[in-house]
Amino acid sequence: MPGGRRVAAVTDARFDVAPGECLALIGESGCGKSVLASALLGLLPGNAQTAGAALLGDLDLLTADERTLARTVRGRLIGLVPQSPAAHLTPVRTVRSQLEETVAALTTTRGRAALRVAAEAAAERAAFPADHLDRHPHQLSGGLAQRAATALALVGDAPLLLADEPTTGLDRDLVDRTADELRRHVDEPGEGGRGRALLMITHDLAAAERIADRVAVMYAGRIVELADATAFFGSPGPRHPYSRGLLQALPDRAFTPIPGMPPELGDLPDGCAFAARCDRATGACAAPPPRGTVACHHPHVPEDARA
């Protein structure tokens, strides 16, 4: 940063995603979710530094060179549904031409007629209407642009799909439809019968509840809880106070906001970053929270475990 200041945008992120599984990474805006996605795809700005490992099979994404990322990873091993899809579509070309180009680049399909058929099949898979294929991005609604971006992401039949806020700006019906399309991609066997995995980065807890197998909660650049989705959204519920606060802030629950504001990533405390907003905080929270599935000194304990 200017003046030599450094910001730890994501710290000590530890998780895995298995074939046939959807992991939802949730948290407030600015907590580091999209930075983590950019790191996995080698799309961080030039002044960023990474450490550790991010393994996709035997390939470490954090140490892979740009040639490997461009020719082997992006589109082929990791499909990306980006934030703000309309901004990522080429504005001067039709959706059909962009789909045909992607099919030609990522598959063995050749010939004008075959590419046309494959592009139309990709659009149908993402519920993109065939009569809109010859339109330019500026002629599409937000929902249609989202479906076009999803169609492009699915072309390469990648073993990992990374969907970064795939439902932002959509109405509830389109949110549900988009989420279901992503879940269907995970559940259907890929080429050669292999399973696919989905990492969905979202602040939409309803969409996460609809399709996720597990949930990872991020706060101030750290993953503070990893949990089974059924237990997280149902009973016994989340164990980290921040996770519980996220759920209680939903309109269909208590509709109670979490007090205060997240800390600046450039000025994080030595201990728990959530302590200043937490009604369970004690002097112990001045020390870093323990590692594990719940990064908290005072996690909520299920009633049966307490008994």
Protein backbone atom coordinates (compact mmCIF):
# COMPACT_ATOMS: atom_id res chain seq x y z
CA MET A 1 0.00 0.00 0.00
CA PRO A 2 1.17 3.66 -0.24
CA GLY A 3 3.90 4.50 2.24
CA GLY A 4 5.03 0.92 2.51
CA ARG A 5 2.02 -0.15 4.57
CA ARG A 6 0.92 -3.76 4.16
CA VAL A 7 -2.56 -5.24 4.50
CA ALA A 8 -3.22 -8.90 5.28
CA ALA A 9 -6.33 -9.36 3.12
CA VAL A 10 -6.64 -13.11 3.79
CA THR A 11 -4.81 -14.93 6.60
CA ASP A 12 -4.53 -18.60 7.50
CA ALA A 13 -7.35 -19.80 5.23
CA ARG A 14 -7.64 -23.59 5.60
CA PHE A 15 -10.34 -25.62 3.84
CA ASP A 16 -10.91 -28.28 1.22
CA VAL A 17 -13.64 -28.99 -1.34
CA ALA A 18 -14.33 -32.56 -2.43
CA PRO A 19 -15.73 -33.78 -5.75
CA GLY A 20 -19.52 -33.77 -5.59
CA GLU A 21 -19.53 -31.12 -2.87
CA CYS A 22 -20.56 -27.49 -2.63
CA LEU A 23 -18.71 -25.36 -0.08
CA ALA A 24 -20.27 -21.94 0.52
CA LEU A 25 -17.85 -19.24 1.66
CA ILE A 26 -19.91 -16.54 3.36
CA GLY A 27 -19.28 -13.27 5.17
CA GLU A 28 -19.82 -9.52 5.01
CA SER A 29 -18.58 -7.49 2.05
CA GLY A 30 -14.89 -6.66 2.33
CA CYS A 31 -13.96 -9.67 4.46
CA GLY A 32 -11.61 -11.15 1.84
CA LYS A 33 -13.77 -13.67 -0.02
CA SER A 34 -13.09 -12.36 -3.53
CA VAL A 35 -9.40 -11.80 -2.79
CA LEU A 36 -9.16 -15.47 -1.93
CA ALA A 37 -10.84 -16.37 -5.24
CA SER A 38 -8.43 -14.15 -7.15
CA ALA A 39 -5.50 -15.85 -5.43
CA LEU A 40 -6.70 -19.29 -6.54
CA LEU A 41 -6.85 -18.14 -10.16
CA GLY A 42 -3.63 -16.12 -10.16
CA LEU A 43 -5.53 -12.87 -10.68
CA LEU A 44 -4.22 -10.84 -7.74
CA PRO A 45 -2.70 -7.40 -8.47
CA GLY A 46 1.03 -7.24 -9.05
CA ASN A 47 1.83 -5.88 -5.58
CA ALA A 48 0.16 -8.81 -3.80
CA GLN A 49 2.10 -11.58 -2.09
CA THR A 50 0.92 -15.09 -1.27
CA ALA A 51 2.24 -17.81 1.00
CA GLY A 52 1.24 -21.38 1.75
CA ALA A 53 -0.29 -23.77 -0.77
CA ALA A 54 -3.54 -24.17 -2.73
CA LEU A 55 -3.57 -27.65 -4.20
CA LEU A 56 -5.77 -28.73 -7.10
CA GLY A 57 -4.75 -32.34 -7.46
CA ASP A 58 -0.95 -32.17 -7.52
CA LEU A 59 -0.83 -28.60 -8.87
CA ASP A 60 -0.09 -25.76 -6.45
CA LEU A 61 -2.09 -22.81 -7.75
CA LEU A 62 -0.12 -20.27 -5.71
CA THR A 63 3.24 -21.17 -7.29
CA ALA A 64 2.03 -21.98 -10.83
CA ASP A 65 3.38 -19.65 -13.52
CA GLU A 66 1.14 -17.53 -15.73
CA ARG A 67 1.50 -19.87 -18.71
CA THR A 68 0.23 -22.81 -16.67
CA LEU A 69 -2.62 -20.77 -15.21
CA ALA A 70 -3.68 -19.44 -18.61
CA ARG A 71 -3.37 -22.68 -20.60
CA THR A 72 -4.16 -25.35 -18.03
CA VAL A 73 -6.08 -23.90 -15.08
CA ARG A 74 -8.46 -21.11 -16.07
CA GLY A 75 -11.52 -22.53 -17.81
CA ARG A 76 -10.15 -26.06 -17.98
CA LEU A 77 -9.48 -27.00 -14.33
CA ILE A 78 -11.34 -24.08 -12.71
CA GLY A 79 -14.41 -22.51 -14.24
CA LEU A 80 -15.22 -18.99 -13.01
CA VAL A 81 -18.60 -17.33 -12.65
CA PRO A 82 -17.37 -13.77 -11.95
CA GLN A 83 -18.79 -10.94 -9.94
CA SER A 84 -20.68 -8.42 -12.09
CA PRO A 85 -20.86 -10.71 -15.16
CA ALA A 86 -21.96 -7.92 -17.50
CA ALA A 87 -18.61 -6.20 -16.88
CA HIS A 88 -16.73 -9.38 -17.85
CA LEU A 89 -18.57 -10.03 -21.12
CA THR A 90 -16.97 -8.52 -24.22
CA PRO A 91 -19.26 -5.56 -25.01
CA VAL A 92 -18.77 -5.49 -28.81
CA ARG A 93 -19.52 -9.18 -29.45
CA THR A 94 -22.68 -11.21 -29.22
CA VAL A 95 -23.21 -13.85 -26.60
CA ARG A 96 -23.20 -16.49 -29.33
CA SER A 97 -19.77 -15.47 -30.65
CA GLN A 98 -18.31 -15.46 -27.14
CA LEU A 99 -19.72 -18.92 -26.44
CA GLU A 100 -18.44 -20.30 -29.75
CA GLU A 101 -14.97 -18.87 -29.10
CA THR A 102 -14.92 -20.42 -25.62
CA VAL A 103 -16.07 -23.80 -26.94
CA ALA A 104 -13.30 -23.71 -29.57
CA ALA A 105 -10.68 -22.80 -26.96
CA LEU A 106 -11.67 -25.30 -24.27
CA THR A 107 -12.97 -28.34 -26.19
CA THR A 108 -12.09 -30.42 -29.24
CA THR A 109 -15.16 -29.21 -31.14
CA ARG A 110 -14.29 -27.83 -34.58
CA GLY A 111 -16.21 -26.57 -37.60
CA ARG A 112 -18.65 -23.72 -37.82
CA ALA A 113 -21.81 -25.82 -37.60
CA ALA A 114 -20.51 -27.93 -34.72
CA LEU A 115 -19.44 -24.84 -32.77
CA ARG A 116 -22.87 -23.32 -33.26
CA VAL A 117 -24.58 -26.45 -31.93
CA ALA A 118 -22.20 -26.67 -28.96
CA ALA A 119 -22.72 -22.99 -28.10
CA GLU A 120 -26.48 -23.44 -28.16
CA ALA A 121 -26.19 -26.52 -25.94
CA ALA A 122 -24.08 -24.56 -23.44
CA ALA A 123 -26.66 -21.79 -23.38
CA GLU A 124 -29.48 -24.27 -22.80
CA ARG A 125 -27.54 -25.84 -19.93
CA ALA A 126 -27.47 -22.46 -18.17
CA ALA A 127 -31.10 -21.68 -19.07
CA PHE A 128 -30.00 -18.85 -21.39
CA PRO A 129 -32.74 -18.32 -24.03
CA ALA A 130 -31.71 -19.23 -27.57
CA ASP A 131 -33.46 -16.18 -29.04
CA HIS A 132 -31.09 -13.90 -27.09
CA LEU A 133 -27.83 -15.49 -28.28
CA ASP A 134 -27.33 -12.91 -31.02
CA ARG A 135 -27.66 -9.98 -28.63
CA HIS A 136 -24.81 -7.93 -27.22
CA PRO A 137 -24.20 -7.72 -23.45
CA HIS A 138 -25.71 -4.24 -23.13
CA GLN A 139 -28.99 -5.68 -24.47
CA LEU A 140 -29.25 -8.17 -21.62
CA SER A 141 -30.86 -7.83 -18.22
CA GLY A 142 -28.81 -8.58 -15.12
CA GLY A 143 -30.32 -12.04 -14.89
CA LEU A 144 -29.55 -12.86 -18.53
CA ALA A 145 -25.98 -11.58 -18.18
CA GLN A 146 -25.64 -13.85 -15.15
CA ARG A 147 -26.85 -16.85 -17.14
CA ALA A 148 -24.51 -15.99 -20.02
CA ALA A 149 -21.55 -15.87 -17.63
CA THR A 150 -22.65 -19.19 -16.10
CA ALA A 151 -22.88 -20.77 -19.56
CA LEU A 152 -19.33 -19.63 -20.35
CA ALA A 153 -18.05 -21.00 -17.04
CA LEU A 154 -19.57 -24.43 -17.66
CA VAL A 155 -18.16 -24.92 -21.18
CA GLY A 156 -14.82 -26.41 -20.09
CA ASP A 157 -16.46 -29.01 -17.80
CA ALA A 158 -13.90 -28.00 -15.17
CA PRO A 159 -13.56 -30.22 -12.07
CA LEU A 160 -13.81 -27.10 -9.88
CA LEU A 161 -16.33 -24.33 -10.41
CA LEU A 162 -15.67 -21.08 -8.56
CA ALA A 163 -18.77 -18.91 -8.40
CA ASP A 164 -18.04 -15.46 -6.95
CA GLU A 165 -21.27 -13.78 -5.80
CA PRO A 166 -23.23 -15.50 -8.60
CA THR A 167 -26.62 -14.19 -7.44
CA THR A 168 -25.85 -10.51 -6.78
CA GLY A 169 -28.54 -8.18 -8.14
CA LEU A 170 -30.97 -10.97 -9.06
CA ASP A 171 -34.55 -11.24 -7.85
CA ARG A 172 -35.43 -14.18 -5.61
CA ASP A 173 -36.74 -16.42 -8.38
CA LEU A 174 -33.57 -15.94 -10.43
CA VAL A 175 -31.42 -16.46 -7.33
CA ASP A 176 -33.07 -19.83 -6.75
CA ARG A 177 -32.81 -20.82 -10.40
CA THR A 178 -29.12 -19.86 -10.63
CA ALA A 179 -28.31 -21.68 -7.40
CA ASP A 180 -30.10 -24.79 -8.62
CA GLU A 181 -28.16 -24.70 -11.91
CA LEU A 182 -24.88 -24.57 -9.99
CA ARG A 183 -25.95 -27.44 -7.75
CA ARG A 184 -26.96 -29.50 -10.78
CA HIS A 185 -23.46 -28.97 -12.21
CA VAL A 186 -22.00 -30.52 -9.04
CA ASP A 187 -24.42 -33.43 -8.93
CA GLU A 188 -24.09 -34.47 -12.59
CA PRO A 189 -20.98 -36.54 -13.38
CA GLY A 190 -18.46 -34.78 -15.58
CA GLU A 191 -16.40 -36.09 -18.45
CA GLY A 192 -15.22 -39.62 -17.71
CA GLY A 193 -17.69 -39.87 -14.83
CA ARG A 194 -15.54 -37.72 -12.57
CA GLY A 195 -17.12 -35.63 -9.86
CA ARG A 196 -17.14 -31.85 -9.82
CA ALA A 197 -16.75 -29.44 -6.91
CA LEU A 198 -18.25 -26.00 -6.33
CA LEU A 199 -16.82 -23.18 -4.23
CA MET A 200 -19.58 -20.57 -4.01
CA ILE A 201 -18.56 -17.23 -2.57
CA THR A 202 -21.63 -15.35 -1.45
CA HIS A 203 -23.24 -13.05 1.07
CA ASP A 204 -26.63 -14.53 0.17
CA LEU A 205 -27.30 -16.94 3.04
CA ALA A 206 -30.55 -18.17 1.52
CA ALA A 207 -28.73 -19.29 -1.63
CA ALA A 208 -26.03 -20.94 0.47
CA GLU A 209 -28.64 -22.78 2.54
CA ARG A 210 -30.35 -23.96 -0.63
CA ILE A 211 -27.38 -25.78 -2.19
CA ALA A 212 -24.35 -25.99 0.14
CA ASP A 213 -23.06 -29.17 1.77
CA ARG A 214 -20.70 -27.25 4.06
CA VAL A 215 -20.27 -23.63 5.06
CA ALA A 216 -17.09 -21.64 5.70
CA VAL A 217 -17.58 -18.30 7.45
CA MET A 218 -15.00 -15.55 6.86
CA TYR A 219 -14.51 -12.51 9.06
CA ALA A 220 -11.80 -9.85 8.70
CA GLY A 221 -9.74 -12.01 6.36
CA ARG A 222 -9.93 -15.23 8.40
CA ILE A 223 -12.14 -18.29 8.23
CA VAL A 224 -13.71 -18.41 11.69
CA GLU A 225 -15.97 -21.44 11.29
CA LEU A 226 -16.32 -24.54 9.10
CA ALA A 227 -19.55 -26.45 9.54
CA ASP A 228 -21.98 -28.90 7.98
CA ALA A 229 -24.64 -26.85 6.20
CA THR A 230 -27.60 -28.74 7.66
CA ALA A 231 -26.38 -28.23 11.22
CA PHE A 232 -25.31 -24.64 10.50
CA PHE A 233 -28.68 -23.46 9.17
CA GLY A 234 -30.75 -25.77 11.36
CA SER A 235 -29.98 -27.39 14.68
CA PRO A 236 -27.74 -26.95 16.63
CA GLY A 237 -26.80 -23.89 14.51
CA PRO A 238 -23.46 -22.08 14.20
CA ARG A 239 -20.98 -22.13 17.05
CA HIS A 240 -19.05 -18.91 16.37
CA PRO A 241 -20.79 -15.76 17.70
CA TYR A 242 -20.24 -13.96 14.40
CA SER A 243 -21.83 -16.80 12.44
CA ARG A 244 -24.82 -16.78 14.76
CA GLY A 245 -25.07 -13.02 14.35
CA LEU A 246 -25.19 -13.36 10.55
CA LEU A 247 -28.14 -15.73 10.77
CA GLN A 248 -29.97 -13.64 13.38
CA ALA A 249 -29.68 -10.60 11.12
CA LEU A 250 -31.83 -12.26 8.42
CA PRO A 251 -35.36 -10.86 7.97
CA ASP A 252 -36.91 -14.31 8.36
CA ARG A 253 -35.12 -14.83 11.70
CA ALA A 254 -34.62 -12.26 14.46
CA PHE A 255 -33.79 -9.40 12.02
CA THR A 256 -31.26 -8.15 14.59
CA PRO A 257 -28.15 -6.45 13.19
CA ILE A 258 -24.69 -7.19 14.51
CA PRO A 259 -23.57 -4.09 16.45
CA GLY A 260 -20.53 -2.11 15.37
CA MET A 261 -18.41 -2.37 12.23
CA PRO A 262 -15.71 -4.80 11.07
CA PRO A 263 -12.14 -3.67 11.78
CA GLU A 264 -9.90 -2.31 9.05
CA LEU A 265 -7.76 -5.06 7.55
CA GLY A 266 -4.74 -2.80 7.93
CA ASP A 267 -5.38 -2.34 11.65
CA LEU A 268 -6.40 -5.73 13.01
CA PRO A 269 -6.09 -6.45 16.74
CA ASP A 270 -3.63 -9.05 18.00
CA GLY A 271 -6.45 -11.18 19.38
CA CYS A 272 -9.92 -12.00 18.09
CA ALA A 273 -11.00 -9.52 15.42
CA PHE A 274 -14.66 -9.92 16.37
CA ALA A 275 -14.19 -9.29 20.11
CA ALA A 276 -15.20 -5.61 19.97
CA ARG A 277 -18.62 -6.59 18.57
CA CYS A 278 -19.15 -9.76 20.61
CA ASP A 279 -21.31 -10.07 23.74
CA ARG A 280 -19.35 -13.17 24.80
CA ALA A 281 -15.92 -11.48 24.77
CA THR A 282 -13.66 -11.64 27.83
CA GLY A 283 -10.05 -10.81 28.54
CA ALA A 284 -9.06 -14.13 26.93
CA CYS A 285 -10.10 -12.71 23.56
CA ALA A 286 -7.05 -10.42 23.57
CA ALA A 287 -5.08 -13.54 22.55
CA PRO A 288 -5.41 -15.11 19.06
CA PRO A 289 -8.34 -17.56 18.90
CA PRO A 290 -7.58 -21.28 18.68
CA ARG A 291 -7.23 -22.96 15.31
CA GLY A 292 -9.76 -25.53 14.25
CA THR A 293 -13.28 -25.65 12.88
CA VAL A 294 -14.35 -22.80 15.22
CA ALA A 295 -11.85 -19.96 15.80
CA CYS A 296 -13.30 -18.69 19.08
CA HIS A 297 -12.37 -18.69 22.77
CA HIS A 298 -16.04 -18.92 23.79
CA PRO A 299 -17.95 -20.84 21.09
CA HIS A 300 -21.57 -21.77 21.57
CA VAL A 301 -21.92 -25.33 22.79
CA PRO A 302 -24.85 -27.50 21.65
CA GLU A 303 -27.26 -28.37 24.44
CA ASP A 304 -26.59 -32.11 24.23
CA ALA A 305 -22.83 -31.55 24.48
CA ARG A 306 -23.31 -29.23 27.49
CA ALA A 307 -25.41 -31.85 29.23
